[in-house]
């Protein structure tokens, strides 16, 4: 797939009987490229770490409030 990404997407479109314009084909190729998916994965990992940090800070605040009671 990596060697002929466009050709692979074209074969999949044909298999699913989808008639796609060259512009749509190129958007799919760009969106499904290894580098794009890798960047999205890294972004999601960063987002997950951020959410985990926020969650931990919230729990810490709750524990401090409960300890003060």
N, C-alpha and C. Protein backbone atom coordinates (compact mmCIF):
# COMPACT_ATOMS: atom_id res chain seq x y z
N UNK A 1 0.83 -1.19 0.00
CA UNK A 1 0.00 0.00 0.00
C UNK A 1 0.87 1.25 0.00
N UNK A 2 1.98 1.21 0.74
CA UNK A 2 2.84 2.38 0.83
C UNK A 2 3.48 2.71 -0.52
N UNK A 3 3.81 1.67 -1.30
CA UNK A 3 4.48 1.88 -2.57
C UNK A 3 3.55 2.57 -3.58
N UNK A 4 2.27 2.20 -3.59
CA UNK A 4 1.32 2.79 -4.53
C UNK A 4 0.03 3.13 -3.79
N UNK A 5 0.13 4.09 -2.93
CA UNK A 5 -1.00 4.47 -2.07
C UNK A 5 -2.21 4.87 -2.92
N UNK A 6 -1.99 5.74 -3.91
CA UNK A 6 -3.09 6.21 -4.75
C UNK A 6 -3.77 5.03 -5.45
N UNK A 7 -2.96 4.11 -5.99
CA UNK A 7 -3.50 2.94 -6.69
C UNK A 7 -4.31 2.06 -5.77
N UNK A 8 -3.87 1.91 -4.53
CA UNK A 8 -4.59 1.10 -3.56
C UNK A 8 -5.94 1.72 -3.23
N UNK A 9 -5.95 3.03 -3.02
CA UNK A 9 -7.21 3.73 -2.73
C UNK A 9 -8.14 3.61 -3.93
N UNK A 10 -7.58 3.70 -5.11
CA UNK A 10 -8.37 3.57 -6.34
C UNK A 10 -9.00 2.17 -6.44
N UNK A 11 -8.22 1.14 -6.12
CA UNK A 11 -8.74 -0.23 -6.13
C UNK A 11 -9.86 -0.41 -5.10
N UNK A 12 -9.67 0.17 -3.91
CA UNK A 12 -10.71 0.08 -2.88
C UNK A 12 -11.99 0.77 -3.32
N UNK A 13 -11.86 1.93 -3.94
CA UNK A 13 -13.03 2.66 -4.43
C UNK A 13 -13.76 1.83 -5.48
N UNK A 14 -13.00 1.22 -6.35
CA UNK A 14 -13.60 0.37 -7.38
C UNK A 14 -14.30 -0.83 -6.75
N UNK A 15 -13.66 -1.45 -5.76
CA UNK A 15 -14.24 -2.60 -5.06
C UNK A 15 -15.57 -2.24 -4.41
N UNK A 16 -15.62 -1.05 -3.79
CA UNK A 16 -16.85 -0.61 -3.13
C UNK A 16 -17.81 0.11 -4.07
N UNK A 17 -17.48 0.05 -5.36
CA UNK A 17 -18.31 0.65 -6.42
C UNK A 17 -18.57 2.13 -6.17
N UNK A 18 -17.51 2.85 -5.80
CA UNK A 18 -17.60 4.29 -5.57
C UNK A 18 -16.92 5.02 -6.72
N UNK A 19 -17.62 5.96 -7.30
CA UNK A 19 -17.07 6.76 -8.39
C UNK A 19 -16.60 8.09 -7.78
N UNK A 20 -15.30 8.19 -7.55
CA UNK A 20 -14.76 9.37 -6.88
C UNK A 20 -14.01 10.25 -7.86
N UNK A 21 -14.17 11.55 -7.69
CA UNK A 21 -13.42 12.49 -8.52
C UNK A 21 -11.94 12.44 -8.15
N UNK A 22 -11.08 12.87 -9.05
CA UNK A 22 -9.65 12.89 -8.72
C UNK A 22 -9.34 13.72 -7.47
N UNK A 23 -10.11 14.78 -7.25
CA UNK A 23 -9.90 15.62 -6.07
C UNK A 23 -10.22 14.84 -4.79
N UNK A 24 -11.33 14.12 -4.80
CA UNK A 24 -11.71 13.33 -3.63
C UNK A 24 -10.71 12.20 -3.40
N UNK A 25 -10.27 11.58 -4.49
CA UNK A 25 -9.27 10.52 -4.37
C UNK A 25 -8.01 11.07 -3.69
N UNK A 26 -7.57 12.24 -4.13
CA UNK A 26 -6.35 12.82 -3.56
C UNK A 26 -6.55 13.17 -2.09
N UNK A 27 -7.73 13.67 -1.72
CA UNK A 27 -8.01 13.97 -0.31
C UNK A 27 -7.94 12.70 0.53
N UNK A 28 -8.49 11.61 0.02
CA UNK A 28 -8.44 10.34 0.75
C UNK A 28 -7.00 9.88 0.88
N UNK A 29 -6.23 9.96 -0.20
CA UNK A 29 -4.82 9.57 -0.17
C UNK A 29 -4.07 10.40 0.87
N UNK A 30 -4.30 11.71 0.85
CA UNK A 30 -3.61 12.59 1.81
C UNK A 30 -4.04 12.27 3.25
N UNK A 31 -5.34 12.07 3.47
CA UNK A 31 -5.86 11.84 4.80
C UNK A 31 -5.42 10.50 5.38
N UNK A 32 -5.21 9.52 4.50
CA UNK A 32 -4.84 8.18 4.97
C UNK A 32 -3.34 7.90 4.84
N UNK A 33 -2.56 8.92 4.57
CA UNK A 33 -1.12 8.70 4.46
C UNK A 33 -0.54 8.36 5.84
N UNK A 34 0.55 7.66 5.83
CA UNK A 34 1.19 7.24 7.07
C UNK A 34 1.55 8.44 7.94
N UNK A 35 2.12 9.48 7.32
CA UNK A 35 2.55 10.64 8.10
C UNK A 35 1.36 11.37 8.73
N UNK A 36 0.24 11.46 8.01
CA UNK A 36 -0.95 12.12 8.57
C UNK A 36 -1.50 11.33 9.75
N UNK A 37 -1.60 10.00 9.57
CA UNK A 37 -2.13 9.18 10.67
C UNK A 37 -1.19 9.19 11.86
N UNK A 38 0.10 9.21 11.62
CA UNK A 38 1.08 9.26 12.71
C UNK A 38 0.93 10.56 13.49
N UNK A 39 0.78 11.67 12.77
CA UNK A 39 0.61 12.97 13.44
C UNK A 39 -0.68 13.01 14.24
N UNK A 40 -1.74 12.43 13.71
CA UNK A 40 -3.01 12.40 14.44
C UNK A 40 -2.88 11.56 15.71
N UNK A 41 -2.17 10.44 15.60
CA UNK A 41 -1.97 9.58 16.77
C UNK A 41 -1.19 10.33 17.84
N UNK A 42 -0.13 11.02 17.44
CA UNK A 42 0.67 11.77 18.40
C UNK A 42 -0.15 12.88 19.04
N UNK A 43 -1.00 13.52 18.25
CA UNK A 43 -1.86 14.58 18.79
C UNK A 43 -2.83 14.00 19.81
N UNK A 44 -3.40 12.83 19.50
CA UNK A 44 -4.34 12.21 20.43
C UNK A 44 -3.63 11.77 21.70
N UNK A 45 -2.40 11.27 21.57
CA UNK A 45 -1.66 10.88 22.76
C UNK A 45 -1.39 12.09 23.65
N UNK A 46 -1.04 13.21 23.04
CA UNK A 46 -0.82 14.43 23.80
C UNK A 46 -2.10 14.89 24.48
N UNK A 47 -3.21 14.75 23.77
CA UNK A 47 -4.51 15.13 24.33
C UNK A 47 -4.86 14.22 25.50
N UNK A 48 -4.58 12.93 25.38
CA UNK A 48 -4.87 11.98 26.45
C UNK A 48 -4.05 12.31 27.69
N UNK A 49 -2.77 12.64 27.49
CA UNK A 49 -1.92 12.99 28.62
C UNK A 49 -2.45 14.24 29.31
N UNK A 50 -2.89 15.20 28.51
CA UNK A 50 -3.42 16.44 29.07
C UNK A 50 -4.69 16.16 29.88
N UNK A 51 -5.57 15.32 29.35
CA UNK A 51 -6.80 14.99 30.05
C UNK A 51 -6.50 14.21 31.32
N UNK A 52 -5.51 13.32 31.27
CA UNK A 52 -5.13 12.56 32.46
C UNK A 52 -4.60 13.50 33.53
N UNK A 53 -3.81 14.47 33.13
CA UNK A 53 -3.26 15.44 34.07
C UNK A 53 -4.38 16.24 34.71
N UNK A 54 -5.34 16.69 33.89
CA UNK A 54 -6.47 17.44 34.42
C UNK A 54 -7.27 16.59 35.40
N UNK A 55 -7.50 15.34 35.05
CA UNK A 55 -8.25 14.44 35.92
C UNK A 55 -7.53 14.25 37.25
N UNK A 56 -6.21 14.05 37.18
CA UNK A 56 -5.43 13.88 38.41
C UNK A 56 -5.48 15.12 39.28
N UNK A 57 -5.42 16.29 38.67
CA UNK A 57 -5.50 17.54 39.44
C UNK A 57 -6.87 17.68 40.10
N UNK A 58 -7.92 17.29 39.41
CA UNK A 58 -9.27 17.34 39.98
C UNK A 58 -9.37 16.40 41.18
N UNK A 59 -8.86 15.17 40.99
CA UNK A 59 -8.89 14.20 42.11
C UNK A 59 -8.09 14.71 43.30
N UNK A 60 -6.96 15.32 43.02
CA UNK A 60 -6.12 15.86 44.10
C UNK A 60 -6.87 16.94 44.86
N UNK A 61 -7.58 17.80 44.11
CA UNK A 61 -8.36 18.86 44.76
C UNK A 61 -9.49 18.30 45.60
N UNK A 62 -10.15 17.26 45.11
CA UNK A 62 -11.23 16.63 45.85
C UNK A 62 -10.67 16.00 47.13
N UNK A 63 -9.54 15.31 47.01
CA UNK A 63 -8.94 14.69 48.19
C UNK A 63 -8.55 15.73 49.22
N UNK A 64 -8.04 16.88 48.79
CA UNK A 64 -7.66 17.94 49.73
C UNK A 64 -8.90 18.48 50.44
N UNK A 65 -9.99 18.66 49.69
CA UNK A 65 -11.22 19.16 50.30
C UNK A 65 -11.78 18.15 51.31
N UNK A 66 -11.74 16.87 50.96
CA UNK A 66 -12.23 15.85 51.86
C UNK A 66 -11.36 15.73 53.11
N UNK A 67 -10.05 15.92 52.93
CA UNK A 67 -9.14 15.86 54.07
C UNK A 67 -9.35 17.02 55.03
N UNK A 68 -9.84 18.14 54.52
CA UNK A 68 -10.07 19.33 55.34
C UNK A 68 -11.36 19.23 56.13
N UNK A 69 -12.23 18.30 55.79
CA UNK A 69 -13.52 18.17 56.49
C UNK A 69 -13.40 17.50 57.81
